[in-house]
């Protein structure tokens, strides 16, 4: 309560806010001028709806295109990183199967006698 009384003593009860002189005399003229400017801007804006429509569509589509580009980029990067590893694994698998086939052929040829080999060669031709 003391603070309130100190404020009243310091500033008093009079209104310290003032309106500039001739403000309301010029107010109506300024307001009419602004309204005229706004109406001309509105008519100009109505004359160019296609440009704003095109930019509006671009604003809506842009985030979708950004996401699509990002997904494509990530797919490409993973393809570049993973593909050599897959090819390397396939090559190792083929090499292992080739070695198994060589071992099998060697096993079969070791067990066959010379006559059996001649017979097998003549059957293939």
Protein backbone atom coordinates (compact mmCIF):
# COMPACT_ATOMS: atom_id res chain seq x y z
CA UNK A 1 0.00 0.00 0.00
CA UNK A 2 2.94 2.32 0.71
CA UNK A 3 4.29 1.84 -2.81
CA UNK A 4 0.95 2.88 -4.25
CA UNK A 5 0.88 6.06 -2.21
CA UNK A 6 4.49 6.83 -3.21
CA UNK A 7 3.56 6.55 -6.86
CA UNK A 8 0.59 8.86 -6.42
CA UNK A 9 2.77 11.40 -4.62
CA UNK A 10 5.46 11.16 -7.26
CA UNK A 11 3.30 11.39 -10.43
CA UNK A 12 -0.07 12.60 -9.19
CA UNK A 13 -3.45 11.76 -10.75
CA UNK A 14 -3.13 13.77 -13.92
CA UNK A 15 -2.94 12.11 -17.35
CA UNK A 16 0.62 12.22 -18.72
CA UNK A 17 -0.31 10.96 -22.19
CA UNK A 18 -0.83 13.63 -24.83
CA UNK A 19 -2.16 13.55 -28.37
CA UNK A 20 -0.06 15.48 -30.89
CA UNK A 21 -1.54 18.79 -31.97
CA UNK A 22 -3.74 18.68 -35.11
CA UNK A 23 -3.64 14.88 -35.04
CA UNK A 24 -7.37 14.41 -35.50
CA UNK A 25 -7.54 17.24 -38.05
CA UNK A 26 -5.20 15.33 -40.38
CA UNK A 27 -6.37 11.88 -39.32
CA UNK A 28 -9.26 11.54 -41.76
CA UNK A 29 -7.17 12.71 -44.72
CA UNK A 30 -4.38 10.25 -43.86
CA UNK A 31 -6.87 7.42 -43.39
CA UNK A 32 -8.53 8.05 -46.77
CA UNK A 33 -5.13 8.12 -48.45
CA UNK A 34 -4.16 4.77 -46.86
CA UNK A 35 -7.48 3.19 -47.82
CA UNK A 36 -7.04 4.32 -51.43
CA UNK A 37 -3.53 2.85 -51.50
CA UNK A 38 -4.78 -0.42 -50.03
CA UNK A 39 -7.62 -0.68 -52.55
CA UNK A 40 -5.23 -0.12 -55.49
CA UNK A 41 -2.91 -2.79 -54.08
CA UNK A 42 -5.84 -5.19 -53.76
CA UNK A 43 -6.95 -4.62 -57.36
CA UNK A 44 -3.37 -5.15 -58.57
CA UNK A 45 -3.17 -8.36 -56.56
CA UNK A 46 -6.43 -9.58 -58.12
CA UNK A 47 -5.02 -8.98 -61.59
CA UNK A 48 -2.10 -11.37 -60.92
CA UNK A 49 -3.62 -14.51 -59.37
CA UNK A 50 -1.74 -16.98 -61.61
CA UNK A 51 1.70 -15.98 -60.39
CA UNK A 52 0.68 -16.34 -56.78
CA UNK A 53 -1.06 -19.65 -57.54
CA UNK A 54 2.06 -21.03 -59.20
CA UNK A 55 4.26 -19.94 -56.32
CA UNK A 56 1.72 -21.37 -53.88
CA UNK A 57 1.88 -24.75 -55.63
CA UNK A 58 5.68 -24.64 -55.59
CA UNK A 59 5.64 -23.88 -51.86
CA UNK A 60 3.46 -26.93 -51.24
CA UNK A 61 5.39 -29.31 -53.51
CA UNK A 62 8.90 -28.24 -52.49
CA UNK A 63 9.05 -30.23 -49.20
CA UNK A 64 7.85 -33.38 -50.98
CA UNK A 65 10.57 -32.98 -53.60
CA UNK A 66 13.19 -32.44 -50.90
CA UNK A 67 12.15 -35.65 -49.15
CA UNK A 68 12.19 -37.57 -52.44
CA UNK A 69 15.66 -36.26 -53.24
CA UNK A 70 16.91 -37.19 -49.80
CA UNK A 71 15.53 -40.73 -50.06
CA UNK A 72 17.08 -41.14 -53.51
CA UNK A 73 20.42 -39.89 -52.21
CA UNK A 74 20.36 -42.27 -49.24
CA UNK A 75 19.42 -45.20 -51.49
CA UNK A 76 22.27 -44.34 -53.84
CA UNK A 77 24.79 -44.10 -51.02
CA UNK A 78 23.72 -47.42 -49.50
CA UNK A 79 23.84 -49.05 -52.94
CA UNK A 80 27.39 -47.80 -53.48
CA UNK A 81 28.49 -48.98 -50.04
CA UNK A 82 26.68 -52.34 -49.93
CA UNK A 83 26.98 -53.45 -53.57
CA UNK A 84 30.77 -54.09 -53.55
CA UNK A 85 30.38 -56.22 -50.41
CA UNK A 86 27.63 -58.27 -52.05
CA UNK A 87 29.73 -58.79 -55.17
CA UNK A 88 32.71 -59.80 -53.07
CA UNK A 89 30.59 -62.34 -51.17
CA UNK A 90 29.25 -63.74 -54.46
CA UNK A 91 32.79 -64.06 -55.83
CA UNK A 92 33.92 -65.90 -52.70
CA UNK A 93 30.94 -68.23 -52.95
CA UNK A 94 31.65 -68.95 -56.62
CA UNK A 95 35.30 -69.55 -55.86
CA UNK A 96 34.36 -71.96 -53.06
CA UNK A 97 31.96 -73.87 -55.32
CA UNK A 98 34.61 -74.03 -58.06
CA UNK A 99 37.12 -75.43 -55.58
CA UNK A 100 34.54 -78.01 -54.44
CA UNK A 101 33.96 -79.06 -58.06
CA UNK A 102 37.70 -79.38 -58.64
CA UNK A 103 38.02 -81.50 -55.52
CA UNK A 104 35.13 -83.70 -56.66
CA UNK A 105 36.66 -84.16 -60.11
CA UNK A 106 40.00 -85.00 -58.61
CA UNK A 107 38.36 -87.52 -56.28
CA UNK A 108 36.52 -89.16 -59.16
CA UNK A 109 39.59 -89.29 -61.38
CA UNK A 110 41.70 -90.76 -58.59
CA UNK A 111 39.27 -93.64 -58.14
CA UNK A 112 38.90 -94.38 -61.82
CA UNK A 113 41.28 -96.64 -63.61
CA UNK A 114 42.60 -95.91 -67.04
CA UNK A 115 40.13 -98.22 -68.79
CA UNK A 116 37.20 -96.60 -67.01
CA UNK A 117 38.41 -93.20 -68.11
CA UNK A 118 38.60 -94.28 -71.75
CA UNK A 119 35.12 -95.71 -71.51
CA UNK A 120 33.78 -92.50 -69.99
CA UNK A 121 35.40 -90.37 -72.71
CA UNK A 122 33.96 -92.49 -75.47
CA UNK A 123 30.49 -92.26 -73.96
CA UNK A 124 30.54 -88.46 -73.99
CA UNK A 125 31.52 -88.26 -77.65
